[in-house]
Amino acid sequence: MKSLISKTAIAIAMLIALPLLAHADNWQIDPAHTNVEFTVRHMMISNVKGQFKKTSGTITTNGNDPTSAQVNATIDATSIDTRVEKRDAHLKSPAFLDVDKFPTITFKSTKVEADGPDKWKVTGDLTLHGVTKPVVLEVESSGKPITDPMGNTRAGASATAKIKRSDFGLVWNQALEGGGVMVGDEVAISIDLEAIKK
């Protein structure tokens, strides 16, 4: 009897899941048209901007429901670029990202909530410098998906977030003679993303 109930439950679960799977849309992040940028305070008086040149990942949605989205993104930490070679080498060193030990930065979404017309809050786990912390991305759609000249369906979005680098063990700093520190703790993140439907 228990075996029959178990088989019946499995059959029902499969019947429920099949329509969802049939409508699942898989998207590939387009590295050539995706930018991940960051801004951090320098010497308490200005901002320094940088970017990561290599980003990849996938987005899976249940049909046209954005709140069903599951995002998995990977950033190549070795691709950091602040336009100053010496500074980039310092950021790649054990003093900061330690890219030899932690070559990638990852984000895996855990929840998507509507936050207004074409806007969402995407909560996920950010793993940076070997430390995983929850982060909320403020996401805004770039409009309805379009078809490019090659027949691919494309969609775009922009996202912003703020993190504290010290939360991820990035604590290097240098005190300034007049007070304050060399590098700010808060890092502003800005993402422009384009994805192709597979």
C-alpha atoms as a PDB file:
ATOM      1  CA  MET A   1       0.000   0.000   0.000  1.00  0.00           C
ATOM      2  CA  LYS A   2       2.802   2.406   0.943  1.00  0.00           C
ATOM      3  CA  SER A   3       4.586   1.572  -2.301  1.00  0.00           C
ATOM      4  CA  LEU A   4       1.446   2.359  -4.304  1.00  0.00           C
ATOM      5  CA  ILE A   5       0.981   5.697  -2.514  1.00  0.00           C
ATOM      6  CA  SER A   6       4.627   6.574  -3.106  1.00  0.00           C
ATOM      7  CA  LYS A   7       4.398   5.766  -6.827  1.00  0.00           C
ATOM      8  CA  THR A   8       1.177   7.750  -7.113  1.00  0.00           C
ATOM      9  CA  ALA A   9       2.789  10.761  -5.401  1.00  0.00           C
ATOM     10  CA  ILE A  10       5.762  10.607  -7.772  1.00  0.00           C
ATOM     11  CA  ALA A  11       3.458  10.411 -10.788  1.00  0.00           C
ATOM     12  CA  ILE A  12       1.484  13.455  -9.594  1.00  0.00           C
ATOM     13  CA  ALA A  13       4.690  15.413  -8.969  1.00  0.00           C
ATOM     14  CA  MET A  14       5.896  14.607 -12.479  1.00  0.00           C
ATOM     15  CA  LEU A  15       2.590  15.717 -13.997  1.00  0.00           C
ATOM     16  CA  ILE A  16       2.883  19.025 -12.145  1.00  0.00           C
ATOM     17  CA  ALA A  17       6.528  19.521 -13.073  1.00  0.00           C
ATOM     18  CA  LEU A  18       6.242  18.692 -16.784  1.00  0.00           C
ATOM     19  CA  PRO A  19       4.297  21.827 -17.780  1.00  0.00           C
ATOM     20  CA  LEU A  20       6.825  23.945 -15.862  1.00  0.00           C
ATOM     21  CA  LEU A  21       9.765  22.272 -17.565  1.00  0.00           C
ATOM     22  CA  ALA A  22       8.077  22.623 -20.942  1.00  0.00           C
ATOM     23  CA  HIS A  23       7.881  26.402 -20.464  1.00  0.00           C
ATOM     24  CA  ALA A  24      11.347  26.857 -18.951  1.00  0.00           C
ATOM     25  CA  ASP A  25      13.400  29.395 -20.870  1.00  0.00           C
ATOM     26  CA  ASN A  26      17.173  29.181 -20.773  1.00  0.00           C
ATOM     27  CA  TRP A  27      19.288  32.257 -21.404  1.00  0.00           C
ATOM     28  CA  GLN A  28      23.050  32.597 -21.833  1.00  0.00           C
ATOM     29  CA  ILE A  29      24.780  35.745 -20.602  1.00  0.00           C
ATOM     30  CA  ASP A  30      26.518  37.385 -23.570  1.00  0.00           C
ATOM     31  CA  PRO A  31      30.066  38.252 -22.410  1.00  0.00           C
ATOM     32  CA  ALA A  32      30.633  40.595 -25.359  1.00  0.00           C
ATOM     33  CA  HIS A  33      27.727  42.824 -24.324  1.00  0.00           C
ATOM     34  CA  THR A  34      27.814  42.527 -20.532  1.00  0.00           C
ATOM     35  CA  ASN A  35      29.727  44.940 -18.281  1.00  0.00           C
ATOM     36  CA  VAL A  36      30.460  44.583 -14.566  1.00  0.00           C
ATOM     37  CA  GLU A  37      31.826  47.808 -13.082  1.00  0.00           C
ATOM     38  CA  PHE A  38      32.672  48.959  -9.568  1.00  0.00           C
ATOM     39  CA  THR A  39      33.376  52.250  -7.817  1.00  0.00           C
ATOM     40  CA  VAL A  40      35.295  52.761  -4.575  1.00  0.00           C
ATOM     41  CA  ARG A  41      36.360  55.867  -2.649  1.00  0.00           C
ATOM     42  CA  HIS A  42      40.030  56.861  -2.987  1.00  0.00           C
ATOM     43  CA  MET A  43      41.833  58.842  -0.254  1.00  0.00           C
ATOM     44  CA  MET A  44      38.474  60.192   0.964  1.00  0.00           C
ATOM     45  CA  ILE A  45      38.327  62.748  -1.866  1.00  0.00           C
ATOM     46  CA  SER A  46      37.508  60.982  -5.142  1.00  0.00           C
ATOM     47  CA  ASN A  47      36.181  57.791  -6.697  1.00  0.00           C
ATOM     48  CA  VAL A  48      38.123  55.162  -8.626  1.00  0.00           C
ATOM     49  CA  LYS A  49      36.242  53.051 -11.144  1.00  0.00           C
ATOM     50  CA  GLY A  50      37.116  49.674 -12.549  1.00  0.00           C
ATOM     51  CA  GLN A  51      35.602  46.738 -14.359  1.00  0.00           C
ATOM     52  CA  PHE A  52      35.836  43.005 -14.842  1.00  0.00           C
ATOM     53  CA  LYS A  53      36.254  42.192 -18.527  1.00  0.00           C
ATOM     54  CA  LYS A  54      35.106  38.561 -18.433  1.00  0.00           C
ATOM     55  CA  THR A  55      31.647  37.488 -17.234  1.00  0.00           C
ATOM     56  CA  SER A  56      29.654  34.349 -18.036  1.00  0.00           C
ATOM     57  CA  GLY A  57      26.570  32.582 -16.763  1.00  0.00           C
ATOM     58  CA  THR A  58      22.999  31.479 -17.275  1.00  0.00           C
ATOM     59  CA  ILE A  59      19.486  32.638 -16.440  1.00  0.00           C
ATOM     60  CA  THR A  60      16.553  30.233 -16.315  1.00  0.00           C
ATOM     61  CA  THR A  61      12.953  31.450 -16.154  1.00  0.00           C
ATOM     62  CA  ASN A  62       9.553  29.809 -16.089  1.00  0.00           C
ATOM     63  CA  GLY A  63       8.068  31.314 -19.220  1.00  0.00           C
ATOM     64  CA  ASN A  64       7.533  35.061 -18.948  1.00  0.00           C
ATOM     65  CA  ASP A  65       7.569  35.164 -15.131  1.00  0.00           C
ATOM     66  CA  PRO A  66      10.628  37.223 -14.073  1.00  0.00           C
ATOM     67  CA  THR A  67      10.161  36.268 -10.412  1.00  0.00           C
ATOM     68  CA  SER A  68      10.914  32.657 -11.358  1.00  0.00           C
ATOM     69  CA  ALA A  69      14.375  33.584 -12.642  1.00  0.00           C
ATOM     70  CA  GLN A  70      17.382  31.636 -11.444  1.00  0.00           C
ATOM     71  CA  VAL A  71      20.654  33.435 -12.084  1.00  0.00           C
ATOM     72  CA  ASN A  72      24.089  31.838 -12.018  1.00  0.00           C
ATOM     73  CA  ALA A  73      26.924  34.180 -12.958  1.00  0.00           C
ATOM     74  CA  THR A  74      30.693  33.851 -12.845  1.00  0.00           C
ATOM     75  CA  ILE A  75      33.185  36.708 -13.047  1.00  0.00           C
ATOM     76  CA  ASP A  76      36.821  36.113 -13.905  1.00  0.00           C
ATOM     77  CA  ALA A  77      38.622  37.942 -11.080  1.00  0.00           C
ATOM     78  CA  THR A  78      41.859  37.976 -13.084  1.00  0.00           C
ATOM     79  CA  SER A  79      40.169  40.204 -15.679  1.00  0.00           C
ATOM     80  CA  ILE A  80      39.984  43.214 -13.328  1.00  0.00           C
ATOM     81  CA  ASP A  81      40.913  46.461 -15.073  1.00  0.00           C
ATOM     82  CA  THR A  82      41.250  49.923 -13.522  1.00  0.00           C
ATOM     83  CA  ARG A  83      43.360  51.307 -16.413  1.00  0.00           C
ATOM     84  CA  VAL A  84      46.497  51.363 -14.227  1.00  0.00           C
ATOM     85  CA  GLU A  85      48.674  48.253 -14.556  1.00  0.00           C
ATOM     86  CA  LYS A  86      50.421  48.662 -11.211  1.00  0.00           C
ATOM     87  CA  ARG A  87      47.118  49.145  -9.382  1.00  0.00           C
ATOM     88  CA  ASP A  88      45.593  46.135 -11.125  1.00  0.00           C
ATOM     89  CA  ALA A  89      48.544  44.001 -10.007  1.00  0.00           C
ATOM     90  CA  HIS A  90      47.980  45.161  -6.423  1.00  0.00           C
ATOM     91  CA  LEU A  91      44.269  44.331  -6.629  1.00  0.00           C
ATOM     92  CA  LYS A  92      45.077  40.837  -7.941  1.00  0.00           C
ATOM     93  CA  SER A  93      47.610  40.226  -5.164  1.00  0.00           C
ATOM     94  CA  PRO A  94      46.964  38.537  -1.765  1.00  0.00           C
ATOM     95  CA  ALA A  95      46.430  42.029  -0.318  1.00  0.00           C
ATOM     96  CA  PHE A  96      43.081  42.185  -2.126  1.00  0.00           C
ATOM     97  CA  LEU A  97      41.453  39.597  -4.420  1.00  0.00           C
ATOM     98  CA  ASP A  98      44.268  37.025  -4.265  1.00  0.00           C
ATOM     99  CA  VAL A  99      43.337  35.778  -7.733  1.00  0.00           C
ATOM    100  CA  ASP A 100      45.819  32.882  -7.677  1.00  0.00           C
ATOM    101  CA  LYS A 101      43.809  31.401  -4.800  1.00  0.00           C
ATOM    102  CA  PHE A 102      40.356  32.768  -5.710  1.00  0.00           C
ATOM    103  CA  PRO A 103      40.253  33.158  -9.523  1.00  0.00           C
ATOM    104  CA  THR A 104      36.478  33.592  -9.784  1.00  0.00           C
ATOM    105  CA  ILE A 105      33.652  35.595  -8.219  1.00  0.00           C
ATOM    106  CA  THR A 106      30.205  33.979  -8.359  1.00  0.00           C
ATOM    107  CA  PHE A 107      26.598  35.039  -7.836  1.00  0.00           C
ATOM    108  CA  LYS A 108      23.706  32.591  -7.405  1.00  0.00           C
ATOM    109  CA  SER A 109      20.214  34.005  -6.979  1.00  0.00           C
ATOM    110  CA  THR A 110      17.944  32.742  -4.224  1.00  0.00           C
ATOM    111  CA  LYS A 111      14.889  34.990  -4.625  1.00  0.00           C
ATOM    112  CA  VAL A 112      13.408  37.469  -7.118  1.00  0.00           C
ATOM    113  CA  GLU A 113      10.758  39.978  -6.031  1.00  0.00           C
ATOM    114  CA  ALA A 114       8.882  42.587  -8.062  1.00  0.00           C
ATOM    115  CA  ASP A 115       9.774  46.154  -7.054  1.00  0.00           C
ATOM    116  CA  GLY A 116       7.738  48.286  -9.440  1.00  0.00           C
ATOM    117  CA  PRO A 117       7.164  48.405 -13.211  1.00  0.00           C
ATOM    118  CA  ASP A 118      10.027  46.497 -14.876  1.00  0.00           C
ATOM    119  CA  LYS A 119      11.975  46.533 -11.600  1.00  0.00           C
ATOM    120  CA  TRP A 120      12.992  43.680  -9.301  1.00  0.00           C
ATOM    121  CA  LYS A 121      15.015  42.930  -6.211  1.00  0.00           C
ATOM    122  CA  VAL A 122      17.232  39.916  -6.879  1.00  0.00           C
ATOM    123  CA  THR A 123      18.641  38.374  -3.719  1.00  0.00           C
ATOM    124  CA  GLY A 124      21.511  35.951  -4.050  1.00  0.00           C
ATOM    125  CA  ASP A 125      24.725  34.551  -2.634  1.00  0.00           C
ATOM    126  CA  LEU A 126      27.847  36.429  -3.691  1.00  0.00           C
ATOM    127  CA  THR A 127      31.084  34.515  -3.258  1.00  0.00           C
ATOM    128  CA  LEU A 128      34.095  36.811  -3.295  1.00  0.00           C
ATOM    129  CA  HIS A 129      37.596  36.109  -1.974  1.00  0.00           C
ATOM    130  CA  GLY A 130      36.348  32.738  -0.730  1.00  0.00           C
ATOM    131  CA  VAL A 131      33.599  34.311   1.410  1.00  0.00           C
ATOM    132  CA  THR A 132      29.876  33.932   0.653  1.00  0.00           C
ATOM    133  CA  LYS A 133      27.411  36.631   1.729  1.00  0.00           C
ATOM    134  CA  PRO A 134      23.838  37.515   0.700  1.00  0.00           C
ATOM    135  CA  VAL A 135      23.569  40.509  -1.621  1.00  0.00           C
ATOM    136  CA  VAL A 136      20.525  42.278  -3.081  1.00  0.00           C
ATOM    137  CA  LEU A 137      20.685  43.549  -6.659  1.00  0.00           C
ATOM    138  CA  GLU A 138      18.351  46.354  -7.714  1.00  0.00           C
ATOM    139  CA  VAL A 139      17.444  45.280 -11.255  1.00  0.00           C
ATOM    140  CA  GLU A 140      15.677  47.187 -14.029  1.00  0.00           C
ATOM    141  CA  SER A 141      14.660  45.665 -17.348  1.00  0.00           C
ATOM    142  CA  SER A 142      15.831  47.287 -20.575  1.00  0.00           C
ATOM    143  CA  GLY A 143      12.507  46.506 -22.225  1.00  0.00           C
ATOM    144  CA  LYS A 144      10.914  43.570 -23.987  1.00  0.00           C
ATOM    145  CA  PRO A 145      13.150  40.937 -25.631  1.00  0.00           C
ATOM    146  CA  ILE A 146      14.080  41.649 -29.249  1.00  0.00           C
ATOM    147  CA  THR A 147      15.186  39.555 -32.216  1.00  0.00           C
ATOM    148  CA  ASP A 148      18.635  40.413 -33.579  1.00  0.00           C
ATOM    149  CA  PRO A 149      19.605  40.219 -37.309  1.00  0.00           C
ATOM    150  CA  MET A 150      20.877  36.651 -36.776  1.00  0.00           C
ATOM    151  CA  GLY A 151      17.501  35.506 -35.451  1.00  0.00           C
ATOM    152  CA  ASN A 152      18.565  35.318 -31.792  1.00  0.00           C
ATOM    153  CA  THR A 153      16.214  36.473 -29.052  1.00  0.00           C
ATOM    154  CA  ARG A 154      17.974  38.933 -26.761  1.00  0.00           C
ATOM    155  CA  ALA A 155      17.033  40.620 -23.492  1.00  0.00           C
ATOM    156  CA  GLY A 156      18.816  43.188 -21.369  1.00  0.00           C
ATOM    157  CA  ALA A 157      18.807  44.584 -17.860  1.00  0.00           C
ATOM    158  CA  SER A 158      20.831  46.823 -15.587  1.00  0.00           C
ATOM    159  CA  ALA A 159      21.563  46.215 -11.917  1.00  0.00           C
ATOM    160  CA  THR A 160      23.175  47.995  -8.991  1.00  0.00           C
ATOM    161  CA  ALA A 161      24.253  46.966  -5.513  1.00  0.00           C
ATOM    162  CA  LYS A 162      26.483  48.110  -2.658  1.00  0.00           C
ATOM    163  CA  ILE A 163      28.718  45.872  -0.573  1.00  0.00           C
ATOM    164  CA  LYS A 164      31.359  46.319   2.091  1.00  0.00           C
ATOM    165  CA  ARG A 165      34.631  44.777   0.993  1.00  0.00           C
ATOM    166  CA  SER A 166      35.551  44.098   4.624  1.00  0.00           C
ATOM    167  CA  ASP A 167      32.592  41.672   4.796  1.00  0.00           C
ATOM    168  CA  PHE A 168      34.502  39.526   2.305  1.00  0.00           C
ATOM    169  CA  GLY A 169      37.853  39.692   4.057  1.00  0.00           C
ATOM    170  CA  LEU A 170      39.230  42.469   1.836  1.00  0.00           C
ATOM    171  CA  VAL A 171      40.635  44.604   4.626  1.00  0.00           C
ATOM    172  CA  TRP A 172      43.892  46.052   3.250  1.00  0.00           C
ATOM    173  CA  ASN A 173      44.209  49.775   3.867  1.00  0.00           C
ATOM    174  CA  GLN A 174      46.627  52.534   4.673  1.00  0.00           C
ATOM    175  CA  ALA A 175      46.079  55.410   7.095  1.00  0.00           C
ATOM    176  CA  LEU A 176      46.465  58.928   5.715  1.00  0.00           C
ATOM    177  CA  GLU A 177      48.565  61.512   7.527  1.00  0.00           C
ATOM    178  CA  GLY A 178      45.727  63.999   7.700  1.00  0.00           C
ATOM    179  CA  GLY A 179      43.184  61.404   8.818  1.00  0.00           C
ATOM    180  CA  GLY A 180      41.101  58.871   6.986  1.00  0.00           C
ATOM    181  CA  VAL A 181      42.229  55.913   4.895  1.00  0.00           C
ATOM    182  CA  MET A 182      43.533  55.206   1.411  1.00  0.00           C
ATOM    183  CA  VAL A 183      40.650  52.989   0.211  1.00  0.00           C
ATOM    184  CA  GLY A 184      36.965  53.175   1.141  1.00  0.00           C
ATOM    185  CA  ASP A 185      35.149  50.143   2.509  1.00  0.00           C
ATOM    186  CA  GLU A 186      31.930  50.548   0.510  1.00  0.00           C
ATOM    187  CA  VAL A 187      31.997  49.328  -3.076  1.00  0.00           C
ATOM    188  CA  ALA A 188      29.253  50.331  -5.525  1.00  0.00           C
ATOM    189  CA  ILE A 189      28.547  47.737  -8.212  1.00  0.00           C
ATOM    190  CA  SER A 190      26.952  48.485 -11.580  1.00  0.00           C
ATOM    191  CA  ILE A 191      26.003  45.809 -14.111  1.00  0.00           C
ATOM    192  CA  ASP A 192      24.740  46.092 -17.679  1.00  0.00           C
ATOM    193  CA  LEU A 193      23.670  42.669 -18.839  1.00  0.00           C
ATOM    194  CA  GLU A 194      22.600  41.216 -22.168  1.00  0.00           C
ATOM    195  CA  ALA A 195      21.466  37.616 -22.550  1.00  0.00           C
ATOM    196  CA  ILE A 196      20.620  35.349 -25.486  1.00  0.00           C
ATOM    197  CA  LYS A 197      17.764  32.852 -25.362  1.00  0.00           C
ATOM    198  CA  LYS A 198      18.987  29.308 -26.050  1.00  0.00           C
END
